[in-house]
N, C-alpha and C. Protein backbone atom coordinates (compact mmCIF):
# COMPACT_ATOMS: atom_id res chain seq x y z
N MET A 1 0.83 -1.20 0.00
CA MET A 1 0.00 0.00 0.00
C MET A 1 0.87 1.26 0.00
N ARG A 2 1.92 1.27 0.86
CA ARG A 2 2.81 2.41 0.91
C ARG A 2 3.51 2.63 -0.42
N LEU A 3 3.92 1.56 -1.04
CA LEU A 3 4.61 1.66 -2.33
C LEU A 3 3.70 2.28 -3.37
N LEU A 4 2.43 1.89 -3.39
CA LEU A 4 1.47 2.46 -4.33
C LEU A 4 1.27 3.95 -4.04
N ALA A 5 1.16 4.33 -2.77
CA ALA A 5 0.98 5.73 -2.41
C ALA A 5 2.21 6.54 -2.82
N LEU A 6 3.39 6.00 -2.58
CA LEU A 6 4.62 6.68 -2.96
C LEU A 6 4.72 6.85 -4.47
N ALA A 7 4.37 5.80 -5.21
CA ALA A 7 4.40 5.88 -6.67
C ALA A 7 3.39 6.90 -7.17
N THR A 8 2.21 6.93 -6.57
CA THR A 8 1.18 7.90 -6.97
C THR A 8 1.65 9.33 -6.68
N PHE A 9 2.27 9.54 -5.52
CA PHE A 9 2.80 10.85 -5.17
C PHE A 9 3.89 11.28 -6.14
N ALA A 10 4.81 10.37 -6.45
CA ALA A 10 5.90 10.68 -7.39
C ALA A 10 5.34 11.03 -8.76
N PHE A 11 4.34 10.29 -9.23
CA PHE A 11 3.72 10.58 -10.52
C PHE A 11 3.04 11.95 -10.50
N ALA A 12 2.30 12.22 -9.42
CA ALA A 12 1.61 13.52 -9.31
C ALA A 12 2.61 14.67 -9.27
N LEU A 13 3.71 14.48 -8.53
CA LEU A 13 4.73 15.52 -8.45
C LEU A 13 5.36 15.75 -9.82
N ALA A 14 5.69 14.70 -10.52
CA ALA A 14 6.28 14.83 -11.85
C ALA A 14 5.30 15.50 -12.81
N PHE A 15 4.04 15.14 -12.73
CA PHE A 15 3.03 15.73 -13.60
C PHE A 15 2.86 17.21 -13.30
N ALA A 16 2.84 17.56 -12.01
CA ALA A 16 2.66 18.96 -11.61
C ALA A 16 3.82 19.81 -12.07
N GLN A 17 5.03 19.24 -12.12
CA GLN A 17 6.18 20.02 -12.51
C GLN A 17 6.39 20.05 -14.02
N ALA A 18 5.71 19.23 -14.77
CA ALA A 18 5.93 19.13 -16.21
C ALA A 18 5.80 20.47 -16.93
N PRO A 19 4.81 21.33 -16.62
CA PRO A 19 4.69 22.58 -17.35
C PRO A 19 5.88 23.53 -17.18
N ILE A 20 6.70 23.32 -16.17
CA ILE A 20 7.82 24.21 -15.93
C ILE A 20 8.75 24.28 -17.14
N THR A 21 8.87 23.19 -17.87
CA THR A 21 9.80 23.16 -18.99
C THR A 21 9.20 23.72 -20.26
N ARG A 22 7.89 23.92 -20.28
CA ARG A 22 7.23 24.36 -21.49
C ARG A 22 7.15 25.88 -21.56
N ALA A 23 7.12 26.39 -22.77
CA ALA A 23 6.89 27.82 -22.97
C ALA A 23 5.40 28.09 -22.76
N ALA A 24 5.06 29.33 -22.58
CA ALA A 24 3.66 29.71 -22.33
C ALA A 24 2.77 29.36 -23.50
N ASP A 25 1.58 28.88 -23.19
CA ASP A 25 0.55 28.65 -24.19
C ASP A 25 0.12 30.02 -24.69
N SER A 26 0.02 30.19 -26.00
CA SER A 26 -0.27 31.52 -26.55
C SER A 26 -1.62 32.06 -26.12
N GLY A 27 -2.53 31.21 -25.63
CA GLY A 27 -3.84 31.67 -25.21
C GLY A 27 -3.99 31.87 -23.71
N ALA A 28 -2.96 31.51 -22.93
CA ALA A 28 -3.02 31.65 -21.48
C ALA A 28 -2.56 33.05 -21.06
N VAL A 29 -3.19 33.59 -20.02
CA VAL A 29 -2.75 34.88 -19.48
C VAL A 29 -1.39 34.69 -18.84
N ILE A 30 -0.40 35.48 -19.29
CA ILE A 30 0.95 35.35 -18.74
C ILE A 30 1.43 36.63 -18.06
N LEU A 31 0.67 37.71 -18.20
CA LEU A 31 1.08 38.98 -17.60
C LEU A 31 -0.15 39.77 -17.17
N THR A 32 -0.08 40.30 -15.96
CA THR A 32 -1.11 41.20 -15.46
C THR A 32 -0.43 42.51 -15.08
N ILE A 33 -1.02 43.61 -15.56
CA ILE A 33 -0.50 44.93 -15.24
C ILE A 33 -1.62 45.71 -14.55
N ASP A 34 -1.30 46.24 -13.36
CA ASP A 34 -2.30 47.01 -12.63
C ASP A 34 -1.65 48.25 -12.02
N GLY A 35 -2.38 48.92 -11.16
CA GLY A 35 -1.88 50.15 -10.53
C GLY A 35 -2.30 51.36 -11.33
N ALA A 36 -1.36 52.25 -11.60
CA ALA A 36 -1.65 53.53 -12.26
C ALA A 36 -1.76 53.35 -13.78
N THR A 37 -2.79 52.59 -14.18
CA THR A 37 -3.08 52.44 -15.61
C THR A 37 -4.02 53.57 -16.01
N GLY A 38 -4.19 53.78 -17.29
CA GLY A 38 -5.01 54.87 -17.78
C GLY A 38 -6.45 54.83 -17.29
N ASP A 39 -7.00 53.61 -17.17
CA ASP A 39 -8.38 53.47 -16.71
C ASP A 39 -8.47 52.98 -15.28
N GLY A 40 -7.33 52.80 -14.62
CA GLY A 40 -7.32 52.35 -13.23
C GLY A 40 -7.64 50.88 -13.05
N LYS A 41 -7.76 50.15 -14.14
CA LYS A 41 -8.11 48.73 -14.07
C LYS A 41 -6.88 47.87 -14.35
N ALA A 42 -6.98 46.62 -13.96
CA ALA A 42 -5.93 45.64 -14.27
C ALA A 42 -6.09 45.21 -15.73
N HIS A 43 -4.97 45.03 -16.40
CA HIS A 43 -4.95 44.57 -17.79
C HIS A 43 -4.21 43.25 -17.84
N THR A 44 -4.78 42.29 -18.55
CA THR A 44 -4.13 40.99 -18.69
C THR A 44 -3.70 40.79 -20.14
N PHE A 45 -2.60 40.06 -20.30
CA PHE A 45 -2.05 39.80 -21.62
C PHE A 45 -1.72 38.33 -21.79
N THR A 46 -2.08 37.81 -22.94
CA THR A 46 -1.62 36.49 -23.36
C THR A 46 -0.39 36.71 -24.24
N LEU A 47 0.28 35.65 -24.59
CA LEU A 47 1.41 35.78 -25.51
C LEU A 47 0.93 36.35 -26.84
N ASP A 48 -0.23 35.91 -27.30
CA ASP A 48 -0.79 36.45 -28.55
C ASP A 48 -1.06 37.94 -28.44
N ASP A 49 -1.55 38.40 -27.28
CA ASP A 49 -1.79 39.83 -27.08
C ASP A 49 -0.49 40.61 -27.19
N LEU A 50 0.56 40.12 -26.57
CA LEU A 50 1.85 40.81 -26.61
C LEU A 50 2.40 40.85 -28.04
N LYS A 51 2.18 39.79 -28.79
CA LYS A 51 2.67 39.75 -30.17
C LYS A 51 1.93 40.71 -31.09
N LYS A 52 0.76 41.19 -30.65
CA LYS A 52 0.02 42.17 -31.45
C LYS A 52 0.57 43.58 -31.29
N LEU A 53 1.37 43.79 -30.24
CA LEU A 53 2.01 45.10 -30.03
C LEU A 53 3.23 45.20 -30.94
N PRO A 54 3.70 46.42 -31.22
CA PRO A 54 4.87 46.57 -32.10
C PRO A 54 6.06 45.76 -31.57
N ALA A 55 6.66 45.01 -32.45
CA ALA A 55 7.79 44.14 -32.07
C ALA A 55 9.09 44.92 -32.03
N ALA A 56 9.97 44.50 -31.14
CA ALA A 56 11.30 45.09 -31.01
C ALA A 56 12.26 43.98 -30.60
N GLY A 57 13.52 44.18 -30.89
CA GLY A 57 14.49 43.17 -30.49
C GLY A 57 15.91 43.65 -30.67
N PHE A 58 16.84 42.90 -30.13
CA PHE A 58 18.26 43.20 -30.26
C PHE A 58 19.05 41.97 -29.84
N LYS A 59 20.32 42.00 -30.20
CA LYS A 59 21.26 40.96 -29.79
C LYS A 59 22.17 41.59 -28.74
N THR A 60 22.37 40.86 -27.64
CA THR A 60 23.21 41.36 -26.56
C THR A 60 23.76 40.22 -25.73
N LYS A 61 24.87 40.46 -25.07
CA LYS A 61 25.38 39.52 -24.09
C LYS A 61 24.68 39.82 -22.77
N THR A 62 24.51 38.79 -21.96
CA THR A 62 23.96 38.96 -20.61
C THR A 62 24.87 38.22 -19.64
N PRO A 63 24.77 38.52 -18.36
CA PRO A 63 25.57 37.77 -17.40
C PRO A 63 25.04 36.36 -17.15
N TRP A 64 23.87 36.03 -17.71
CA TRP A 64 23.22 34.74 -17.45
C TRP A 64 23.33 33.75 -18.60
N HIS A 65 23.92 34.16 -19.70
CA HIS A 65 23.99 33.30 -20.89
C HIS A 65 25.41 33.28 -21.44
N ASP A 66 25.70 32.24 -22.18
CA ASP A 66 26.99 32.15 -22.88
C ASP A 66 26.85 32.80 -24.24
N GLY A 67 27.63 33.83 -24.49
CA GLY A 67 27.63 34.49 -25.79
C GLY A 67 26.43 35.38 -26.02
N PRO A 68 26.46 36.14 -27.11
CA PRO A 68 25.35 37.03 -27.44
C PRO A 68 24.06 36.25 -27.71
N GLN A 69 22.95 36.81 -27.29
CA GLN A 69 21.63 36.21 -27.47
C GLN A 69 20.73 37.21 -28.19
N GLN A 70 19.87 36.71 -29.06
CA GLN A 70 18.87 37.55 -29.71
C GLN A 70 17.61 37.51 -28.86
N PHE A 71 17.13 38.67 -28.42
CA PHE A 71 15.89 38.77 -27.66
C PHE A 71 14.89 39.57 -28.49
N ASP A 72 13.66 39.08 -28.53
CA ASP A 72 12.58 39.77 -29.24
C ASP A 72 11.38 39.84 -28.32
N GLY A 73 10.66 40.96 -28.45
CA GLY A 73 9.47 41.16 -27.64
C GLY A 73 8.86 42.50 -27.96
N VAL A 74 8.49 43.22 -26.93
CA VAL A 74 7.87 44.53 -27.09
C VAL A 74 8.64 45.53 -26.23
N LEU A 75 8.87 46.72 -26.76
CA LEU A 75 9.50 47.76 -25.95
C LEU A 75 8.67 47.99 -24.69
N MET A 76 9.35 48.15 -23.58
CA MET A 76 8.62 48.42 -22.34
C MET A 76 7.80 49.70 -22.47
N SER A 77 8.31 50.68 -23.21
CA SER A 77 7.55 51.93 -23.42
C SER A 77 6.25 51.66 -24.17
N ASP A 78 6.28 50.77 -25.16
CA ASP A 78 5.06 50.43 -25.91
C ASP A 78 4.07 49.66 -25.04
N LEU A 79 4.59 48.79 -24.20
CA LEU A 79 3.73 48.03 -23.29
C LEU A 79 3.04 48.98 -22.31
N MET A 80 3.79 49.95 -21.80
CA MET A 80 3.20 50.90 -20.87
C MET A 80 2.20 51.82 -21.57
N HIS A 81 2.50 52.17 -22.81
CA HIS A 81 1.56 52.97 -23.60
C HIS A 81 0.25 52.20 -23.80
N ALA A 82 0.34 50.90 -24.01
CA ALA A 82 -0.84 50.07 -24.25
C ALA A 82 -1.81 50.08 -23.08
N VAL A 83 -1.30 50.28 -21.86
CA VAL A 83 -2.17 50.31 -20.69
C VAL A 83 -2.39 51.72 -20.17
N GLY A 84 -1.82 52.71 -20.86
CA GLY A 84 -1.98 54.11 -20.43
C GLY A 84 -1.28 54.39 -19.11
N ALA A 85 -0.11 53.82 -18.91
CA ALA A 85 0.62 53.96 -17.64
C ALA A 85 0.84 55.42 -17.27
N LYS A 86 0.63 55.72 -15.99
CA LYS A 86 0.79 57.08 -15.50
C LYS A 86 1.82 57.18 -14.39
N GLY A 87 2.52 56.10 -14.09
CA GLY A 87 3.44 56.11 -12.97
C GLY A 87 4.88 56.33 -13.38
N LYS A 88 5.75 56.32 -12.36
CA LYS A 88 7.18 56.53 -12.58
C LYS A 88 8.02 55.30 -12.29
N VAL A 89 7.41 54.32 -11.63
CA VAL A 89 8.14 53.09 -11.28
C VAL A 89 7.24 51.89 -11.51
N LEU A 90 7.85 50.83 -12.03
CA LEU A 90 7.14 49.56 -12.16
C LEU A 90 7.64 48.62 -11.08
N HIS A 91 6.72 48.06 -10.35
CA HIS A 91 7.06 47.01 -9.38
C HIS A 91 6.78 45.70 -10.11
N VAL A 92 7.84 45.04 -10.52
CA VAL A 92 7.74 43.84 -11.34
C VAL A 92 7.88 42.62 -10.43
N ARG A 93 6.95 41.68 -10.58
CA ARG A 93 6.97 40.46 -9.77
C ARG A 93 7.11 39.24 -10.68
N ALA A 94 8.01 38.35 -10.31
CA ALA A 94 8.24 37.13 -11.07
C ALA A 94 7.40 35.99 -10.51
N LEU A 95 7.36 34.90 -11.26
CA LEU A 95 6.60 33.72 -10.83
C LEU A 95 7.06 33.19 -9.48
N ASP A 96 8.35 33.33 -9.16
CA ASP A 96 8.87 32.85 -7.88
C ASP A 96 8.81 33.92 -6.79
N ASP A 97 8.07 35.00 -7.05
CA ASP A 97 7.88 36.13 -6.13
C ASP A 97 9.10 37.04 -6.02
N TYR A 98 10.11 36.87 -6.87
CA TYR A 98 11.20 37.84 -6.93
C TYR A 98 10.58 39.18 -7.33
N LYS A 99 11.05 40.25 -6.71
CA LYS A 99 10.50 41.58 -7.01
C LYS A 99 11.63 42.51 -7.42
N SER A 100 11.33 43.35 -8.39
CA SER A 100 12.30 44.32 -8.88
C SER A 100 11.58 45.61 -9.23
N ASP A 101 12.20 46.73 -8.92
CA ASP A 101 11.65 48.02 -9.29
C ASP A 101 12.37 48.52 -10.53
N VAL A 102 11.58 48.88 -11.54
CA VAL A 102 12.14 49.33 -12.81
C VAL A 102 11.62 50.74 -13.07
N PRO A 103 12.52 51.75 -13.13
CA PRO A 103 12.08 53.12 -13.38
C PRO A 103 11.59 53.31 -14.82
N VAL A 104 10.47 53.97 -14.96
CA VAL A 104 9.92 54.25 -16.29
C VAL A 104 10.89 55.14 -17.08
N ALA A 105 11.67 55.95 -16.40
CA ALA A 105 12.64 56.82 -17.07
C ALA A 105 13.66 56.03 -17.91
N ASP A 106 13.88 54.76 -17.56
CA ASP A 106 14.80 53.92 -18.34
C ASP A 106 14.30 53.64 -19.75
N PHE A 107 13.00 53.69 -19.95
CA PHE A 107 12.42 53.20 -21.20
C PHE A 107 12.83 54.01 -22.41
N ASP A 108 12.79 55.33 -22.31
CA ASP A 108 13.20 56.16 -23.44
C ASP A 108 14.72 56.21 -23.58
N LYS A 109 15.42 56.18 -22.46
CA LYS A 109 16.87 56.31 -22.49
C LYS A 109 17.57 55.03 -22.97
N TYR A 110 17.11 53.85 -22.48
CA TYR A 110 17.84 52.61 -22.77
C TYR A 110 17.10 51.61 -23.65
N LYS A 111 15.79 51.77 -23.80
CA LYS A 111 14.98 50.92 -24.68
C LYS A 111 14.95 49.44 -24.28
N PRO A 112 14.70 49.13 -23.00
CA PRO A 112 14.57 47.72 -22.63
C PRO A 112 13.29 47.14 -23.23
N ILE A 113 13.28 45.82 -23.36
CA ILE A 113 12.09 45.14 -23.90
C ILE A 113 11.55 44.13 -22.90
N MET A 114 10.29 43.79 -23.07
CA MET A 114 9.70 42.64 -22.40
C MET A 114 9.85 41.52 -23.43
N ALA A 115 10.89 40.73 -23.26
CA ALA A 115 11.21 39.68 -24.23
C ALA A 115 10.31 38.48 -24.03
N TYR A 116 9.83 37.92 -25.15
CA TYR A 116 9.08 36.67 -25.13
C TYR A 116 9.72 35.64 -26.04
N LEU A 117 10.77 36.05 -26.77
CA LEU A 117 11.54 35.11 -27.60
C LEU A 117 13.03 35.28 -27.30
N GLN A 118 13.71 34.18 -27.26
CA GLN A 118 15.17 34.18 -27.15
C GLN A 118 15.70 33.31 -28.28
N ASN A 119 16.52 33.92 -29.10
CA ASN A 119 17.06 33.21 -30.28
C ASN A 119 15.95 32.60 -31.12
N GLY A 120 14.86 33.38 -31.26
CA GLY A 120 13.75 32.98 -32.12
C GLY A 120 12.77 31.99 -31.52
N LYS A 121 12.95 31.61 -30.26
CA LYS A 121 12.08 30.60 -29.65
C LYS A 121 11.46 31.14 -28.37
N PRO A 122 10.21 30.74 -28.10
CA PRO A 122 9.61 31.12 -26.82
C PRO A 122 10.44 30.55 -25.67
N MET A 123 10.49 31.30 -24.57
CA MET A 123 11.27 30.88 -23.41
C MET A 123 10.39 30.11 -22.43
N SER A 124 10.85 28.97 -21.99
CA SER A 124 10.14 28.22 -20.96
C SER A 124 10.45 28.85 -19.61
N VAL A 125 9.70 28.48 -18.60
CA VAL A 125 9.95 28.97 -17.26
C VAL A 125 11.37 28.58 -16.83
N ARG A 126 11.78 27.39 -17.16
CA ARG A 126 13.13 26.92 -16.80
C ARG A 126 14.20 27.77 -17.48
N ASP A 127 13.87 28.36 -18.63
CA ASP A 127 14.83 29.18 -19.38
C ASP A 127 14.54 30.67 -19.24
N LYS A 128 14.07 31.08 -18.07
CA LYS A 128 13.84 32.47 -17.72
C LYS A 128 12.58 33.08 -18.34
N GLY A 129 11.72 32.25 -18.88
CA GLY A 129 10.51 32.74 -19.51
C GLY A 129 9.29 32.59 -18.62
N PRO A 130 8.14 32.84 -19.13
CA PRO A 130 7.89 33.19 -20.52
C PRO A 130 8.20 34.64 -20.87
N LEU A 131 8.40 35.49 -19.83
CA LEU A 131 8.70 36.90 -20.08
C LEU A 131 9.93 37.32 -19.28
N PHE A 132 10.73 38.19 -19.89
CA PHE A 132 12.02 38.57 -19.32
C PHE A 132 12.28 40.02 -19.70
N VAL A 133 12.47 40.90 -18.71
CA VAL A 133 12.82 42.29 -18.99
C VAL A 133 14.32 42.31 -19.33
N VAL A 134 14.64 42.73 -20.55
CA VAL A 134 16.03 42.70 -21.00
C VAL A 134 16.43 44.09 -21.50
N TYR A 135 17.57 44.54 -21.03
CA TYR A 135 18.17 45.79 -21.51
C TYR A 135 19.20 45.43 -22.58
N PRO A 136 19.45 46.33 -23.52
CA PRO A 136 20.50 46.08 -24.52
C PRO A 136 21.87 46.38 -23.91
N TYR A 137 22.34 45.48 -23.07
CA TYR A 137 23.55 45.70 -22.28
C TYR A 137 24.76 46.09 -23.13
N ASP A 138 24.87 45.56 -24.34
CA ASP A 138 26.02 45.86 -25.19
C ASP A 138 25.97 47.26 -25.78
N SER A 139 24.83 47.92 -25.70
CA SER A 139 24.70 49.24 -26.32
C SER A 139 25.31 50.38 -25.50
N ASP A 140 25.53 50.14 -24.20
CA ASP A 140 26.00 51.20 -23.33
C ASP A 140 26.69 50.55 -22.12
N ALA A 141 27.94 50.91 -21.88
CA ALA A 141 28.69 50.35 -20.75
C ALA A 141 27.99 50.62 -19.41
N ALA A 142 27.22 51.69 -19.33
CA ALA A 142 26.51 52.02 -18.09
C ALA A 142 25.48 50.95 -17.71
N LEU A 143 25.06 50.14 -18.68
CA LEU A 143 24.07 49.10 -18.42
C LEU A 143 24.67 47.82 -17.84
N ARG A 144 25.96 47.69 -17.89
CA ARG A 144 26.61 46.44 -17.48
C ARG A 144 27.06 46.50 -16.01
N ASN A 145 26.06 46.54 -15.12
CA ASN A 145 26.34 46.54 -13.68
C ASN A 145 25.12 46.02 -12.93
N GLU A 146 25.30 45.80 -11.64
CA GLU A 146 24.25 45.21 -10.82
C GLU A 146 22.96 46.02 -10.81
N THR A 147 23.05 47.32 -10.90
CA THR A 147 21.84 48.15 -10.90
C THR A 147 20.90 47.71 -12.01
N PHE A 148 21.43 47.57 -13.21
CA PHE A 148 20.57 47.21 -14.35
C PHE A 148 20.30 45.72 -14.40
N TYR A 149 21.21 44.91 -13.91
CA TYR A 149 20.94 43.47 -13.88
C TYR A 149 19.77 43.17 -12.95
N THR A 150 19.66 43.92 -11.82
CA THR A 150 18.53 43.68 -10.93
C THR A 150 17.22 44.25 -11.49
N ARG A 151 17.32 45.13 -12.47
CA ARG A 151 16.12 45.66 -13.15
C ARG A 151 15.70 44.75 -14.30
N SER A 152 16.28 43.59 -14.38
CA SER A 152 16.01 42.65 -15.48
C SER A 152 15.43 41.35 -14.94
N PRO A 153 14.26 41.40 -14.34
CA PRO A 153 13.69 40.15 -13.82
C PRO A 153 13.24 39.24 -14.95
N TRP A 154 13.36 37.94 -14.71
CA TRP A 154 12.84 36.96 -15.65
C TRP A 154 11.67 36.26 -14.99
N GLN A 155 10.97 35.45 -15.75
CA GLN A 155 9.74 34.78 -15.30
C GLN A 155 8.72 35.82 -14.83
N VAL A 156 8.66 36.94 -15.53
CA VAL A 156 7.77 38.04 -15.14
C VAL A 156 6.32 37.57 -15.24
N ALA A 157 5.55 37.86 -14.18
CA ALA A 157 4.14 37.48 -14.14
C ALA A 157 3.22 38.68 -13.94
N ALA A 158 3.72 39.71 -13.24
CA ALA A 158 2.85 40.85 -12.91
C ALA A 158 3.67 42.12 -12.78
N ILE A 159 2.99 43.22 -13.09
CA ILE A 159 3.60 44.55 -12.94
C ILE A 159 2.56 45.46 -12.29
N THR A 160 3.00 46.17 -11.25
CA THR A 160 2.16 47.19 -10.64
C THR A 160 2.83 48.53 -10.92
N ILE A 161 2.09 49.42 -11.55
CA ILE A 161 2.60 50.74 -11.90
C ILE A 161 2.32 51.70 -10.75
N GLU A 162 3.35 52.41 -10.34
CA GLU A 162 3.17 53.37 -9.25
C GLU A 162 3.71 54.72 -9.67
């Protein structure tokens, strides 16, 4: 009986963890933005919704990857425009509850993106996806330090605009 219970538990645990390796389903909500939006309401986005916004991308080295990587997604400024953002800081929360504050002032100056593709492929949760705030680190030496690395959360799930 114990062996059967243990086997059932192991199967359930493996099944529950299986989605971790997969990229986001294009129809599932993967991002919620609330706080100081234009209408004061929370906005939800699926991967398909994000792909309808103007696309942006760049190739850059990161401290988390070997060699330059191509990241594609939407400019953070365009994403904030889509919700009518009125704040000065984004409180970004990841799936694992990691939190990072990202100043809106960075958007025009450095052009970070909310990446949903890395090297042309959707990112799984295990590979820092499905969403990852990425700065073009190679474009400016000022971006290659802990300040900007901490402003680059991966596995992004929610943003509160303040």
